[in-house]
Amino acid sequence: MDVHYRQPHVAEYFGQLSAWLTKPATMRLFETVKHQTTTISVKP
């Protein structure tokens, strides 16, 4: 675990964690609908 905690991405995460925890949480709930296909157009 010591090696993991010294990784740059983990250090960055822990560096930002306190700022994230001071803000109110936002939740988004999604429902999966079976047997339904959705097409999304993507413009380049």
C-alpha atoms as a PDB file:
ATOM      1  CA  MET A   1       0.000   0.000   0.000  1.00  0.00           C
ATOM      2  CA  ASP A   2       2.900   2.354   0.668  1.00  0.00           C
ATOM      3  CA  VAL A   3       3.971   2.149  -2.983  1.00  0.00           C
ATOM      4  CA  HIS A   4       0.394   2.757  -4.103  1.00  0.00           C
ATOM      5  CA  TYR A   5      -0.008   5.831  -1.888  1.00  0.00           C
ATOM      6  CA  ARG A   6       3.193   7.335  -3.323  1.00  0.00           C
ATOM      7  CA  GLN A   7       1.905   7.194  -6.915  1.00  0.00           C
ATOM      8  CA  PRO A   8       1.371  10.683  -8.444  1.00  0.00           C
ATOM      9  CA  HIS A   9      -2.296  10.090  -9.308  1.00  0.00           C
ATOM     10  CA  VAL A  10      -3.062   8.940  -5.756  1.00  0.00           C
ATOM     11  CA  ALA A  11      -1.248  11.931  -4.251  1.00  0.00           C
ATOM     12  CA  GLU A  12      -3.251  14.245  -6.539  1.00  0.00           C
ATOM     13  CA  TYR A  13      -6.507  12.544  -5.489  1.00  0.00           C
ATOM     14  CA  PHE A  14      -5.764  12.926  -1.777  1.00  0.00           C
ATOM     15  CA  GLY A  15      -4.635  16.514  -2.372  1.00  0.00           C
ATOM     16  CA  GLN A  16      -8.066  17.390  -3.795  1.00  0.00           C
ATOM     17  CA  LEU A  17     -10.137  15.255  -1.444  1.00  0.00           C
ATOM     18  CA  SER A  18     -10.548  17.827   1.327  1.00  0.00           C
ATOM     19  CA  ALA A  19     -11.849  20.439  -1.133  1.00  0.00           C
ATOM     20  CA  TRP A  20     -14.339  17.947  -2.562  1.00  0.00           C
ATOM     21  CA  LEU A  21     -15.615  16.987   0.876  1.00  0.00           C
ATOM     22  CA  THR A  22     -16.387  20.602   1.836  1.00  0.00           C
ATOM     23  CA  LYS A  23     -18.959  20.930  -0.968  1.00  0.00           C
ATOM     24  CA  PRO A  24     -22.502  19.527  -0.860  1.00  0.00           C
ATOM     25  CA  ALA A  25     -22.822  16.191  -2.610  1.00  0.00           C
ATOM     26  CA  THR A  26     -24.720  15.918  -5.885  1.00  0.00           C
ATOM     27  CA  MET A  27     -26.332  12.670  -6.887  1.00  0.00           C
ATOM     28  CA  ARG A  28     -27.628  11.606 -10.263  1.00  0.00           C
ATOM     29  CA  LEU A  29     -29.816   8.559 -10.548  1.00  0.00           C
ATOM     30  CA  PHE A  30     -30.131   6.654 -13.783  1.00  0.00           C
ATOM     31  CA  GLU A  31     -32.562   3.907 -14.646  1.00  0.00           C
ATOM     32  CA  THR A  32     -31.704   1.262 -17.195  1.00  0.00           C
ATOM     33  CA  VAL A  33     -34.562   0.307 -19.466  1.00  0.00           C
ATOM     34  CA  LYS A  34     -34.266  -3.221 -20.833  1.00  0.00           C
ATOM     35  CA  HIS A  35     -34.819  -3.923 -24.503  1.00  0.00           C
ATOM     36  CA  GLN A  36     -34.629  -0.283 -25.534  1.00  0.00           C
ATOM     37  CA  THR A  37     -32.060   1.131 -27.949  1.00  0.00           C
ATOM     38  CA  THR A  38     -31.113   4.798 -27.983  1.00  0.00           C
ATOM     39  CA  THR A  39     -29.169   6.420 -30.808  1.00  0.00           C
ATOM     40  CA  ILE A  40     -27.137   9.556 -30.172  1.00  0.00           C
ATOM     41  CA  SER A  41     -25.847  11.662 -33.060  1.00  0.00           C
ATOM     42  CA  VAL A  42     -22.262  12.820 -32.661  1.00  0.00           C
ATOM     43  CA  LYS A  43     -20.915  15.714 -34.701  1.00  0.00           C
ATOM     44  CA  PRO A  44     -17.157  15.702 -35.416  1.00  0.00           C
END
